[in-house]
N, C-alpha and C. Protein backbone atom coordinates (compact mmCIF):
# COMPACT_ATOMS: atom_id res chain seq x y z
N MET A 1 23.66 -0.87 -5.18
CA MET A 1 22.43 -0.20 -4.82
C MET A 1 21.99 -0.61 -3.42
N ARG A 2 21.47 0.33 -2.70
CA ARG A 2 20.83 0.04 -1.42
C ARG A 2 19.34 0.11 -1.62
N ARG A 3 18.57 -0.75 -0.94
CA ARG A 3 17.13 -0.76 -1.10
C ARG A 3 16.44 -0.60 0.25
N ALA A 4 15.38 0.20 0.26
CA ALA A 4 14.60 0.39 1.49
C ALA A 4 13.78 -0.87 1.78
N GLY A 5 13.47 -1.07 3.05
CA GLY A 5 12.68 -2.23 3.44
C GLY A 5 11.21 -1.88 3.61
N PHE A 6 10.34 -2.74 3.07
CA PHE A 6 8.90 -2.58 3.23
C PHE A 6 8.35 -3.93 3.66
N ARG A 7 7.28 -3.91 4.44
CA ARG A 7 6.68 -5.16 4.92
C ARG A 7 6.10 -5.99 3.78
N SER A 8 5.57 -5.29 2.76
CA SER A 8 4.96 -5.99 1.64
C SER A 8 4.97 -5.06 0.43
N TYR A 9 4.68 -5.61 -0.73
CA TYR A 9 4.61 -4.78 -1.93
C TYR A 9 3.45 -3.79 -1.83
N GLU A 10 2.36 -4.21 -1.22
CA GLU A 10 1.21 -3.32 -1.03
C GLU A 10 1.59 -2.14 -0.13
N ASP A 11 2.42 -2.39 0.88
CA ASP A 11 2.91 -1.33 1.76
C ASP A 11 3.76 -0.33 0.96
N TYR A 12 4.61 -0.85 0.10
CA TYR A 12 5.42 0.00 -0.78
C TYR A 12 4.53 0.85 -1.68
N LEU A 13 3.51 0.25 -2.30
CA LEU A 13 2.61 0.99 -3.19
C LEU A 13 1.86 2.08 -2.43
N ARG A 14 1.38 1.76 -1.24
CA ARG A 14 0.68 2.77 -0.42
C ARG A 14 1.61 3.94 -0.10
N HIS A 15 2.85 3.62 0.22
CA HIS A 15 3.83 4.66 0.54
C HIS A 15 4.05 5.58 -0.66
N GLN A 16 4.20 5.00 -1.85
CA GLN A 16 4.42 5.81 -3.06
C GLN A 16 3.18 6.66 -3.38
N LEU A 17 2.01 6.07 -3.21
CA LEU A 17 0.77 6.81 -3.51
C LEU A 17 0.54 7.97 -2.53
N ASN A 18 1.09 7.86 -1.31
CA ASN A 18 0.97 8.97 -0.37
C ASN A 18 1.56 10.25 -0.95
N LYS A 19 2.66 10.12 -1.69
CA LYS A 19 3.27 11.29 -2.33
C LYS A 19 2.49 11.68 -3.57
N THR A 20 2.22 10.71 -4.42
CA THR A 20 1.56 11.00 -5.71
C THR A 20 0.19 11.63 -5.52
N LEU A 21 -0.54 11.21 -4.49
CA LEU A 21 -1.91 11.71 -4.29
C LEU A 21 -2.01 12.84 -3.27
N ASP A 22 -0.89 13.27 -2.72
CA ASP A 22 -0.91 14.37 -1.74
C ASP A 22 -1.51 15.62 -2.39
N PRO A 23 -2.66 16.11 -1.92
CA PRO A 23 -3.33 17.25 -2.57
C PRO A 23 -2.46 18.51 -2.65
N ARG A 24 -1.66 18.75 -1.61
CA ARG A 24 -0.80 19.93 -1.62
C ARG A 24 0.26 19.82 -2.71
N LEU A 25 0.91 18.66 -2.81
CA LEU A 25 1.93 18.46 -3.84
C LEU A 25 1.32 18.52 -5.24
N ARG A 26 0.15 17.93 -5.40
CA ARG A 26 -0.49 17.95 -6.72
C ARG A 26 -0.83 19.38 -7.15
N ARG A 27 -1.24 20.22 -6.19
CA ARG A 27 -1.48 21.64 -6.52
C ARG A 27 -0.20 22.32 -6.98
N VAL A 28 0.90 22.06 -6.27
CA VAL A 28 2.20 22.65 -6.63
C VAL A 28 2.62 22.17 -8.02
N TRP A 29 2.52 20.85 -8.25
CA TRP A 29 2.93 20.30 -9.55
C TRP A 29 2.10 20.88 -10.68
N ALA A 30 0.82 21.13 -10.42
CA ALA A 30 -0.09 21.59 -11.48
C ALA A 30 -0.03 23.10 -11.70
N THR A 31 0.53 23.83 -10.76
CA THR A 31 0.52 25.30 -10.87
C THR A 31 1.94 25.84 -10.90
N ARG A 32 2.52 26.07 -9.73
CA ARG A 32 3.82 26.72 -9.64
C ARG A 32 4.92 25.97 -10.40
N ASP A 33 4.93 24.64 -10.29
CA ASP A 33 5.97 23.84 -10.93
C ASP A 33 5.73 23.55 -12.40
N TRP A 34 4.48 23.69 -12.85
CA TRP A 34 4.12 23.18 -14.17
C TRP A 34 5.00 23.75 -15.29
N HIS A 35 4.97 25.06 -15.48
CA HIS A 35 5.69 25.66 -16.61
C HIS A 35 7.20 25.53 -16.46
N ARG A 36 7.69 25.67 -15.23
CA ARG A 36 9.13 25.53 -15.01
C ARG A 36 9.62 24.15 -15.43
N LYS A 37 8.88 23.11 -15.05
CA LYS A 37 9.30 21.74 -15.40
C LYS A 37 9.06 21.44 -16.88
N VAL A 38 7.94 21.88 -17.42
CA VAL A 38 7.69 21.64 -18.85
C VAL A 38 8.79 22.31 -19.68
N ASP A 39 9.16 23.53 -19.34
CA ASP A 39 10.21 24.24 -20.09
C ASP A 39 11.55 23.53 -19.98
N ALA A 40 11.90 23.07 -18.77
CA ALA A 40 13.18 22.38 -18.58
C ALA A 40 13.20 21.05 -19.33
N PHE A 41 12.12 20.28 -19.24
CA PHE A 41 12.06 19.02 -19.98
C PHE A 41 12.08 19.26 -21.48
N ALA A 42 11.40 20.29 -21.94
CA ALA A 42 11.38 20.60 -23.37
C ALA A 42 12.78 20.90 -23.88
N CYS A 43 13.58 21.63 -23.11
CA CYS A 43 14.97 21.91 -23.51
C CYS A 43 15.77 20.60 -23.62
N ALA A 44 15.59 19.72 -22.64
CA ALA A 44 16.32 18.45 -22.65
C ALA A 44 15.89 17.59 -23.85
N PHE A 45 14.59 17.52 -24.12
CA PHE A 45 14.11 16.70 -25.23
C PHE A 45 14.48 17.32 -26.58
N ALA A 46 14.48 18.64 -26.67
CA ALA A 46 14.88 19.30 -27.92
C ALA A 46 16.33 18.97 -28.25
N ALA A 47 17.19 18.88 -27.23
CA ALA A 47 18.58 18.51 -27.46
C ALA A 47 18.68 17.08 -28.01
N LEU A 48 17.83 16.19 -27.51
CA LEU A 48 17.82 14.81 -28.01
C LEU A 48 17.32 14.76 -29.45
N LEU A 49 16.35 15.61 -29.79
CA LEU A 49 15.85 15.68 -31.17
C LEU A 49 16.93 16.15 -32.13
N ARG A 50 17.80 17.05 -31.66
CA ARG A 50 18.85 17.60 -32.52
C ARG A 50 20.04 16.67 -32.68
N ASP A 51 20.10 15.60 -31.88
CA ASP A 51 21.25 14.69 -31.93
C ASP A 51 21.14 13.76 -33.14
N ASP A 52 21.48 14.29 -34.29
CA ASP A 52 21.37 13.50 -35.54
C ASP A 52 22.32 12.31 -35.55
N GLU A 53 23.47 12.45 -34.89
CA GLU A 53 24.47 11.38 -34.89
C GLU A 53 23.93 10.09 -34.28
N HIS A 54 23.16 10.21 -33.18
CA HIS A 54 22.69 9.01 -32.49
C HIS A 54 21.21 8.71 -32.73
N ALA A 55 20.49 9.60 -33.40
CA ALA A 55 19.05 9.41 -33.68
C ALA A 55 18.31 8.93 -32.43
N LEU A 56 18.35 9.77 -31.40
CA LEU A 56 17.78 9.38 -30.11
C LEU A 56 16.27 9.56 -30.04
N LEU A 57 15.76 10.58 -30.72
CA LEU A 57 14.35 10.94 -30.63
C LEU A 57 13.96 11.65 -31.90
N SER A 58 12.76 11.38 -32.39
CA SER A 58 12.26 12.08 -33.57
C SER A 58 10.80 12.45 -33.34
N ASN A 59 10.29 13.32 -34.18
CA ASN A 59 8.89 13.72 -34.04
C ASN A 59 7.94 12.56 -34.29
N SER A 60 8.41 11.52 -34.95
CA SER A 60 7.55 10.36 -35.20
C SER A 60 7.71 9.26 -34.14
N SER A 61 8.55 9.51 -33.13
CA SER A 61 8.74 8.51 -32.07
C SER A 61 7.46 8.30 -31.28
N ARG A 62 7.24 7.05 -30.90
CA ARG A 62 6.18 6.74 -29.93
C ARG A 62 6.86 6.72 -28.57
N ALA A 63 6.46 7.62 -27.66
CA ALA A 63 7.21 7.86 -26.43
C ALA A 63 6.40 7.58 -25.18
N LEU A 64 7.11 7.09 -24.15
CA LEU A 64 6.52 6.82 -22.84
C LEU A 64 7.36 7.51 -21.77
N CYS A 65 6.70 8.19 -20.85
CA CYS A 65 7.35 8.75 -19.67
C CYS A 65 6.95 7.90 -18.48
N VAL A 66 7.91 7.27 -17.86
CA VAL A 66 7.68 6.31 -16.78
C VAL A 66 7.71 7.04 -15.44
N GLY A 67 6.62 6.93 -14.67
CA GLY A 67 6.54 7.63 -13.40
C GLY A 67 6.32 9.11 -13.60
N ALA A 68 5.31 9.46 -14.39
CA ALA A 68 5.15 10.82 -14.91
C ALA A 68 4.30 11.75 -14.05
N ARG A 69 3.78 11.28 -12.93
CA ARG A 69 2.93 12.11 -12.06
C ARG A 69 1.82 12.78 -12.86
N LEU A 70 1.87 14.12 -12.98
CA LEU A 70 0.81 14.83 -13.71
C LEU A 70 1.11 14.99 -15.19
N GLY A 71 2.34 14.66 -15.60
CA GLY A 71 2.62 14.63 -17.03
C GLY A 71 3.41 15.79 -17.60
N GLN A 72 4.21 16.49 -16.79
CA GLN A 72 5.01 17.58 -17.34
C GLN A 72 5.93 17.10 -18.46
N GLU A 73 6.52 15.91 -18.29
CA GLU A 73 7.41 15.36 -19.31
C GLU A 73 6.65 15.11 -20.61
N VAL A 74 5.44 14.60 -20.49
CA VAL A 74 4.61 14.33 -21.67
C VAL A 74 4.27 15.64 -22.38
N ALA A 75 3.86 16.64 -21.61
CA ALA A 75 3.55 17.95 -22.19
C ALA A 75 4.78 18.52 -22.90
N ALA A 76 5.96 18.32 -22.32
CA ALA A 76 7.19 18.81 -22.93
C ALA A 76 7.49 18.10 -24.25
N LEU A 77 7.31 16.78 -24.28
CA LEU A 77 7.53 16.04 -25.52
C LEU A 77 6.58 16.54 -26.61
N ARG A 78 5.32 16.72 -26.26
CA ARG A 78 4.35 17.20 -27.24
C ARG A 78 4.69 18.62 -27.69
N LEU A 79 5.21 19.44 -26.77
CA LEU A 79 5.58 20.81 -27.10
C LEU A 79 6.69 20.86 -28.14
N VAL A 80 7.65 19.92 -28.08
CA VAL A 80 8.75 19.92 -29.04
C VAL A 80 8.41 19.12 -30.30
N GLY A 81 7.18 18.62 -30.39
CA GLY A 81 6.75 17.98 -31.63
C GLY A 81 6.61 16.48 -31.61
N VAL A 82 6.84 15.84 -30.46
CA VAL A 82 6.66 14.39 -30.35
C VAL A 82 5.21 14.16 -29.92
N ARG A 83 4.32 14.04 -30.90
CA ARG A 83 2.88 14.03 -30.62
C ARG A 83 2.40 12.73 -29.96
N ASP A 84 3.04 11.60 -30.30
CA ASP A 84 2.59 10.32 -29.77
C ASP A 84 3.35 10.02 -28.47
N ALA A 85 3.00 10.76 -27.42
CA ALA A 85 3.67 10.62 -26.12
C ALA A 85 2.61 10.44 -25.05
N VAL A 86 2.92 9.58 -24.10
CA VAL A 86 2.00 9.32 -22.98
C VAL A 86 2.84 9.09 -21.73
N GLY A 87 2.25 9.37 -20.58
CA GLY A 87 2.90 9.08 -19.32
C GLY A 87 2.20 7.94 -18.61
N MET A 88 2.90 7.36 -17.64
CA MET A 88 2.34 6.27 -16.83
C MET A 88 2.73 6.52 -15.39
N ASP A 89 1.77 6.33 -14.48
CA ASP A 89 2.05 6.49 -13.05
C ASP A 89 1.03 5.66 -12.28
N LEU A 90 1.31 5.43 -10.99
CA LEU A 90 0.37 4.67 -10.17
C LEU A 90 -1.01 5.32 -10.11
N ALA A 91 -1.02 6.66 -10.10
CA ALA A 91 -2.28 7.40 -10.13
C ALA A 91 -2.39 8.09 -11.48
N PRO A 92 -3.43 7.80 -12.26
CA PRO A 92 -3.55 8.43 -13.58
C PRO A 92 -3.82 9.93 -13.46
N ALA A 93 -3.45 10.66 -14.51
CA ALA A 93 -3.73 12.10 -14.60
C ALA A 93 -4.12 12.38 -16.05
N PRO A 94 -5.36 12.00 -16.42
CA PRO A 94 -5.80 12.19 -17.79
C PRO A 94 -5.76 13.67 -18.19
N PRO A 95 -5.48 13.98 -19.43
CA PRO A 95 -5.31 13.05 -20.55
C PRO A 95 -3.86 12.66 -20.80
N LEU A 96 -2.92 13.14 -19.98
CA LEU A 96 -1.50 12.91 -20.28
C LEU A 96 -0.94 11.62 -19.68
N VAL A 97 -1.51 11.17 -18.57
CA VAL A 97 -0.92 10.06 -17.82
C VAL A 97 -1.95 8.97 -17.57
N VAL A 98 -1.60 7.74 -17.95
CA VAL A 98 -2.46 6.59 -17.70
C VAL A 98 -1.97 5.86 -16.45
N LYS A 99 -2.85 5.02 -15.90
CA LYS A 99 -2.50 4.26 -14.70
C LYS A 99 -1.60 3.09 -15.08
N GLY A 100 -0.55 2.91 -14.28
CA GLY A 100 0.34 1.77 -14.50
C GLY A 100 1.44 1.71 -13.47
N ASP A 101 1.92 0.51 -13.22
CA ASP A 101 2.99 0.24 -12.27
C ASP A 101 4.26 -0.01 -13.09
N PHE A 102 5.32 0.74 -12.83
CA PHE A 102 6.52 0.56 -13.66
C PHE A 102 7.23 -0.76 -13.41
N HIS A 103 6.80 -1.53 -12.41
CA HIS A 103 7.33 -2.88 -12.23
C HIS A 103 6.60 -3.88 -13.14
N ALA A 104 5.48 -3.48 -13.71
CA ALA A 104 4.69 -4.34 -14.60
C ALA A 104 3.89 -3.43 -15.54
N GLN A 105 4.58 -2.85 -16.52
CA GLN A 105 3.94 -1.89 -17.42
C GLN A 105 2.73 -2.49 -18.13
N PRO A 106 1.66 -1.72 -18.31
CA PRO A 106 0.45 -2.22 -18.96
C PRO A 106 0.50 -2.09 -20.48
N PHE A 107 1.66 -2.37 -21.07
CA PHE A 107 1.83 -2.23 -22.52
C PHE A 107 2.43 -3.51 -23.09
N ALA A 108 2.18 -3.72 -24.37
CA ALA A 108 2.70 -4.90 -25.06
C ALA A 108 4.20 -4.77 -25.30
N ASN A 109 4.82 -5.89 -25.58
CA ASN A 109 6.23 -5.90 -25.95
C ASN A 109 6.46 -5.00 -27.16
N ASP A 110 7.63 -4.38 -27.21
CA ASP A 110 8.08 -3.62 -28.39
C ASP A 110 7.09 -2.52 -28.79
N THR A 111 6.57 -1.78 -27.82
CA THR A 111 5.57 -0.76 -28.10
C THR A 111 6.18 0.61 -28.40
N PHE A 112 7.26 0.98 -27.70
CA PHE A 112 7.74 2.35 -27.74
C PHE A 112 9.11 2.48 -28.42
N ASP A 113 9.31 3.65 -29.04
CA ASP A 113 10.61 3.99 -29.62
C ASP A 113 11.50 4.70 -28.61
N PHE A 114 10.87 5.30 -27.59
CA PHE A 114 11.60 6.15 -26.66
C PHE A 114 10.92 6.06 -25.29
N GLU A 115 11.73 5.89 -24.23
CA GLU A 115 11.19 5.91 -22.87
C GLU A 115 12.08 6.80 -22.01
N PHE A 116 11.43 7.63 -21.21
CA PHE A 116 12.14 8.53 -20.31
C PHE A 116 11.66 8.30 -18.89
N SER A 117 12.60 8.37 -17.93
CA SER A 117 12.20 8.31 -16.52
C SER A 117 13.20 9.06 -15.65
N ASN A 118 12.67 9.69 -14.63
CA ASN A 118 13.51 10.29 -13.60
C ASN A 118 13.11 9.78 -12.22
N VAL A 119 12.53 8.58 -12.17
CA VAL A 119 12.07 8.02 -10.90
C VAL A 119 12.68 6.65 -10.60
N PHE A 120 13.86 6.39 -11.15
CA PHE A 120 14.51 5.10 -10.90
C PHE A 120 14.67 4.85 -9.40
N ASP A 121 14.95 5.91 -8.64
CA ASP A 121 15.14 5.76 -7.20
C ASP A 121 13.87 5.30 -6.49
N HIS A 122 12.72 5.41 -7.12
CA HIS A 122 11.46 4.98 -6.52
C HIS A 122 11.18 3.49 -6.76
N ALA A 123 12.00 2.84 -7.57
CA ALA A 123 11.76 1.43 -7.90
C ALA A 123 12.18 0.53 -6.74
N LEU A 124 11.25 -0.23 -6.21
CA LEU A 124 11.57 -1.18 -5.15
C LEU A 124 12.39 -2.33 -5.73
N TYR A 125 12.09 -2.70 -6.97
CA TYR A 125 12.81 -3.78 -7.65
C TYR A 125 13.44 -3.20 -8.92
N PRO A 126 14.65 -2.62 -8.81
CA PRO A 126 15.29 -1.99 -9.96
C PRO A 126 15.43 -2.91 -11.17
N ASP A 127 15.66 -4.21 -10.92
CA ASP A 127 15.81 -5.13 -12.04
C ASP A 127 14.50 -5.27 -12.83
N ARG A 128 13.36 -5.27 -12.13
CA ARG A 128 12.06 -5.34 -12.82
C ARG A 128 11.76 -4.04 -13.55
N PHE A 129 12.09 -2.92 -12.93
CA PHE A 129 11.92 -1.61 -13.55
C PHE A 129 12.63 -1.58 -14.91
N VAL A 130 13.89 -2.01 -14.92
CA VAL A 130 14.68 -2.03 -16.15
C VAL A 130 14.15 -3.07 -17.13
N ALA A 131 13.82 -4.25 -16.65
CA ALA A 131 13.32 -5.30 -17.53
C ALA A 131 12.05 -4.87 -18.26
N GLU A 132 11.18 -4.10 -17.57
CA GLU A 132 9.96 -3.63 -18.21
C GLU A 132 10.25 -2.56 -19.27
N ILE A 133 11.23 -1.71 -19.02
CA ILE A 133 11.62 -0.75 -20.06
C ILE A 133 12.13 -1.51 -21.28
N GLU A 134 13.00 -2.48 -21.06
CA GLU A 134 13.55 -3.23 -22.20
C GLU A 134 12.47 -4.06 -22.90
N ARG A 135 11.51 -4.56 -22.15
CA ARG A 135 10.44 -5.35 -22.77
C ARG A 135 9.58 -4.49 -23.68
N THR A 136 9.24 -3.28 -23.24
CA THR A 136 8.30 -2.45 -23.98
C THR A 136 8.97 -1.55 -25.02
N LEU A 137 10.30 -1.45 -24.99
CA LEU A 137 11.02 -0.73 -26.04
C LEU A 137 11.15 -1.60 -27.28
N ARG A 138 10.99 -0.99 -28.43
CA ARG A 138 11.26 -1.70 -29.67
C ARG A 138 12.76 -1.89 -29.85
N PRO A 139 13.19 -2.91 -30.58
CA PRO A 139 14.62 -3.02 -30.90
C PRO A 139 15.09 -1.73 -31.57
N GLY A 140 16.20 -1.20 -31.10
CA GLY A 140 16.69 0.08 -31.59
C GLY A 140 16.14 1.27 -30.82
N GLY A 141 15.15 1.02 -29.94
CA GLY A 141 14.56 2.08 -29.14
C GLY A 141 15.51 2.62 -28.09
N VAL A 142 15.24 3.81 -27.62
CA VAL A 142 16.14 4.53 -26.72
C VAL A 142 15.48 4.75 -25.36
N ALA A 143 16.25 4.49 -24.31
CA ALA A 143 15.82 4.79 -22.94
C ALA A 143 16.72 5.89 -22.38
N VAL A 144 16.11 6.90 -21.79
CA VAL A 144 16.86 7.99 -21.15
C VAL A 144 16.43 8.05 -19.69
N LEU A 145 17.40 7.92 -18.79
CA LEU A 145 17.12 7.98 -17.36
C LEU A 145 17.92 9.11 -16.73
N HIS A 146 17.25 9.90 -15.91
CA HIS A 146 17.92 10.88 -15.07
C HIS A 146 17.95 10.31 -13.66
N VAL A 147 19.16 10.22 -13.09
CA VAL A 147 19.34 9.60 -11.77
C VAL A 147 20.27 10.44 -10.91
N ALA A 148 20.23 10.17 -9.62
CA ALA A 148 21.19 10.75 -8.68
C ALA A 148 22.15 9.64 -8.26
N VAL A 149 23.44 9.92 -8.36
CA VAL A 149 24.46 8.93 -7.99
C VAL A 149 25.15 9.41 -6.73
N HIS A 150 25.38 8.49 -5.80
CA HIS A 150 26.06 8.78 -4.53
C HIS A 150 25.31 9.80 -3.68
N ARG A 151 24.01 9.79 -3.76
CA ARG A 151 23.24 10.74 -2.96
C ARG A 151 22.00 10.05 -2.42
N ARG A 152 21.72 10.27 -1.15
CA ARG A 152 20.51 9.72 -0.55
C ARG A 152 19.29 10.39 -1.15
N GLY A 153 18.28 9.59 -1.47
CA GLY A 153 17.05 10.13 -1.99
C GLY A 153 16.17 10.66 -0.88
N ASP A 154 14.95 11.05 -1.25
CA ASP A 154 14.01 11.53 -0.24
C ASP A 154 13.33 10.34 0.43
N LYS A 155 12.35 10.61 1.29
CA LYS A 155 11.73 9.52 2.05
C LYS A 155 10.91 8.60 1.16
N TYR A 156 10.70 8.97 -0.09
CA TYR A 156 9.97 8.10 -1.02
C TYR A 156 10.90 7.28 -1.91
N SER A 157 12.19 7.50 -1.81
CA SER A 157 13.14 6.70 -2.58
C SER A 157 13.17 5.29 -2.02
N ALA A 158 13.12 4.33 -2.91
CA ALA A 158 13.15 2.92 -2.49
C ALA A 158 14.53 2.31 -2.68
N ASN A 159 15.41 3.02 -3.41
CA ASN A 159 16.79 2.56 -3.57
C ASN A 159 17.70 3.76 -3.75
N ASP A 160 18.96 3.57 -3.40
CA ASP A 160 19.99 4.58 -3.61
C ASP A 160 21.01 4.01 -4.57
N LEU A 161 21.34 4.77 -5.58
CA LEU A 161 22.29 4.33 -6.60
C LEU A 161 23.69 4.75 -6.19
N LEU A 162 24.54 3.79 -5.90
CA LEU A 162 25.88 4.08 -5.42
C LEU A 162 26.88 4.26 -6.55
N ASP A 163 26.55 3.73 -7.74
CA ASP A 163 27.46 3.78 -8.88
C ASP A 163 26.62 3.65 -10.14
N VAL A 164 26.87 4.48 -11.14
CA VAL A 164 26.07 4.43 -12.36
C VAL A 164 26.21 3.07 -13.06
N GLN A 165 27.33 2.39 -12.85
CA GLN A 165 27.50 1.08 -13.46
C GLN A 165 26.52 0.05 -12.89
N GLY A 166 26.08 0.28 -11.66
CA GLY A 166 25.05 -0.59 -11.09
C GLY A 166 23.76 -0.53 -11.88
N LEU A 167 23.42 0.67 -12.37
CA LEU A 167 22.24 0.84 -13.22
C LEU A 167 22.48 0.25 -14.60
N VAL A 168 23.60 0.60 -15.20
CA VAL A 168 23.91 0.13 -16.56
C VAL A 168 23.93 -1.40 -16.61
N GLY A 169 24.45 -2.02 -15.56
CA GLY A 169 24.54 -3.48 -15.52
C GLY A 169 23.20 -4.19 -15.54
N LEU A 170 22.14 -3.48 -15.15
CA LEU A 170 20.80 -4.07 -15.17
C LEU A 170 20.22 -4.16 -16.59
N PHE A 171 20.73 -3.33 -17.49
CA PHE A 171 20.24 -3.31 -18.87
C PHE A 171 20.99 -4.38 -19.67
N ARG A 172 20.41 -5.57 -19.72
CA ARG A 172 21.07 -6.71 -20.35
C ARG A 172 20.84 -6.77 -21.85
N ARG A 173 19.80 -6.06 -22.33
CA ARG A 173 19.45 -6.12 -23.75
C ARG A 173 19.73 -4.78 -24.45
N SER A 174 20.52 -3.93 -23.80
CA SER A 174 20.78 -2.60 -24.33
C SER A 174 22.26 -2.27 -24.24
N GLU A 175 22.66 -1.26 -25.02
CA GLU A 175 24.03 -0.78 -24.94
C GLU A 175 24.02 0.71 -24.63
N VAL A 176 25.06 1.16 -23.94
CA VAL A 176 25.15 2.55 -23.55
C VAL A 176 25.45 3.42 -24.77
N VAL A 177 24.67 4.49 -24.92
CA VAL A 177 24.95 5.50 -25.93
C VAL A 177 25.80 6.60 -25.32
N ARG A 178 25.39 7.04 -24.13
CA ARG A 178 26.10 8.15 -23.49
C ARG A 178 25.73 8.23 -22.01
N ILE A 179 26.71 8.58 -21.19
CA ILE A 179 26.48 8.91 -19.79
C ILE A 179 27.08 10.30 -19.59
N SER A 180 26.28 11.21 -19.08
CA SER A 180 26.77 12.58 -18.92
C SER A 180 26.17 13.22 -17.69
N LYS A 181 26.78 14.32 -17.29
CA LYS A 181 26.26 15.08 -16.15
C LYS A 181 25.06 15.90 -16.61
N VAL A 182 24.11 16.07 -15.70
CA VAL A 182 22.91 16.84 -15.99
C VAL A 182 22.48 17.52 -14.69
N ASP A 183 21.81 18.65 -14.82
CA ASP A 183 21.25 19.33 -13.66
C ASP A 183 19.74 19.28 -13.84
N ALA A 184 19.11 18.29 -13.23
CA ALA A 184 17.70 18.01 -13.52
C ALA A 184 16.91 17.79 -12.24
N PHE A 185 16.53 18.88 -11.59
CA PHE A 185 15.67 18.80 -10.41
C PHE A 185 16.24 17.88 -9.34
N GLY A 186 17.53 18.07 -9.02
CA GLY A 186 18.18 17.28 -7.98
C GLY A 186 18.85 16.02 -8.47
N LEU A 187 18.67 15.70 -9.73
CA LEU A 187 19.32 14.52 -10.32
C LEU A 187 20.54 14.99 -11.11
N ASP A 188 21.62 14.20 -11.06
CA ASP A 188 22.89 14.70 -11.59
C ASP A 188 23.46 13.95 -12.78
N THR A 189 22.84 12.85 -13.17
CA THR A 189 23.41 12.02 -14.23
C THR A 189 22.35 11.60 -15.23
N GLU A 190 22.68 11.74 -16.51
CA GLU A 190 21.80 11.27 -17.59
C GLU A 190 22.42 10.04 -18.21
N VAL A 191 21.65 8.96 -18.26
CA VAL A 191 22.10 7.70 -18.85
C VAL A 191 21.21 7.42 -20.06
N ILE A 192 21.84 7.29 -21.22
CA ILE A 192 21.11 7.02 -22.46
C ILE A 192 21.54 5.65 -22.98
N LEU A 193 20.56 4.79 -23.22
CA LEU A 193 20.82 3.43 -23.70
C LEU A 193 19.95 3.13 -24.91
N ARG A 194 20.43 2.23 -25.76
CA ARG A 194 19.66 1.79 -26.92
C ARG A 194 19.47 0.29 -26.85
N LYS A 195 18.22 -0.15 -27.01
CA LYS A 195 17.93 -1.59 -27.01
C LYS A 195 18.53 -2.22 -28.26
N LYS A 196 19.24 -3.32 -28.05
CA LYS A 196 19.88 -4.01 -29.17
C LYS A 196 18.82 -4.58 -30.10
N SER A 197 19.18 -4.67 -31.38
CA SER A 197 18.30 -5.27 -32.34
C SER A 197 18.10 -6.74 -32.01
N SER A 198 16.92 -7.24 -32.34
CA SER A 198 16.65 -8.66 -32.10
C SER A 198 17.59 -9.51 -32.94
N PRO A 199 17.96 -10.68 -32.42
CA PRO A 199 18.81 -11.56 -33.22
C PRO A 199 18.08 -12.01 -34.47
N PRO A 200 18.79 -12.23 -35.58
CA PRO A 200 18.14 -12.62 -36.84
C PRO A 200 17.45 -13.97 -36.73
């Protein structure tokens, strides 16, 4: 992985908030992009619900969308029947998204059955990003990440993923369920992992 340089963590947060709070982008996300993204995420989540072999997601799952902006992913989860779903982002967007930093999630250990994110490239500290997902996932819980491999991100990307194994290697308490190609708003790879059960 390559990582962008920032003078301080506060500088990094300000940079990320410039995108999240941009009034023009927020209008686009809330209007023109809203239904298109909700429909696309709903199709992806419905496929996970149908995967009986791996039991990736169920209507009773407690779900978190990490880096959810205005909450299209959350709306999509609720649309397919996962009612206990919430998003988290640096800037809250009630009622779907609460305030939180994905480097230090504001949730207790073992809170969620399912976590989804498509903002791994925005993590300044990828190891902390992953550690927080593993901390807040329950044993047996599933993490689904959409990432771009071998591609430069936009000016808000804080890291570039050169190899999917670089991401998988950060998940020390989880095992890979599946890695597959996906066409997801410029991201090309879906990585699905399951947190290992706690030792007896």
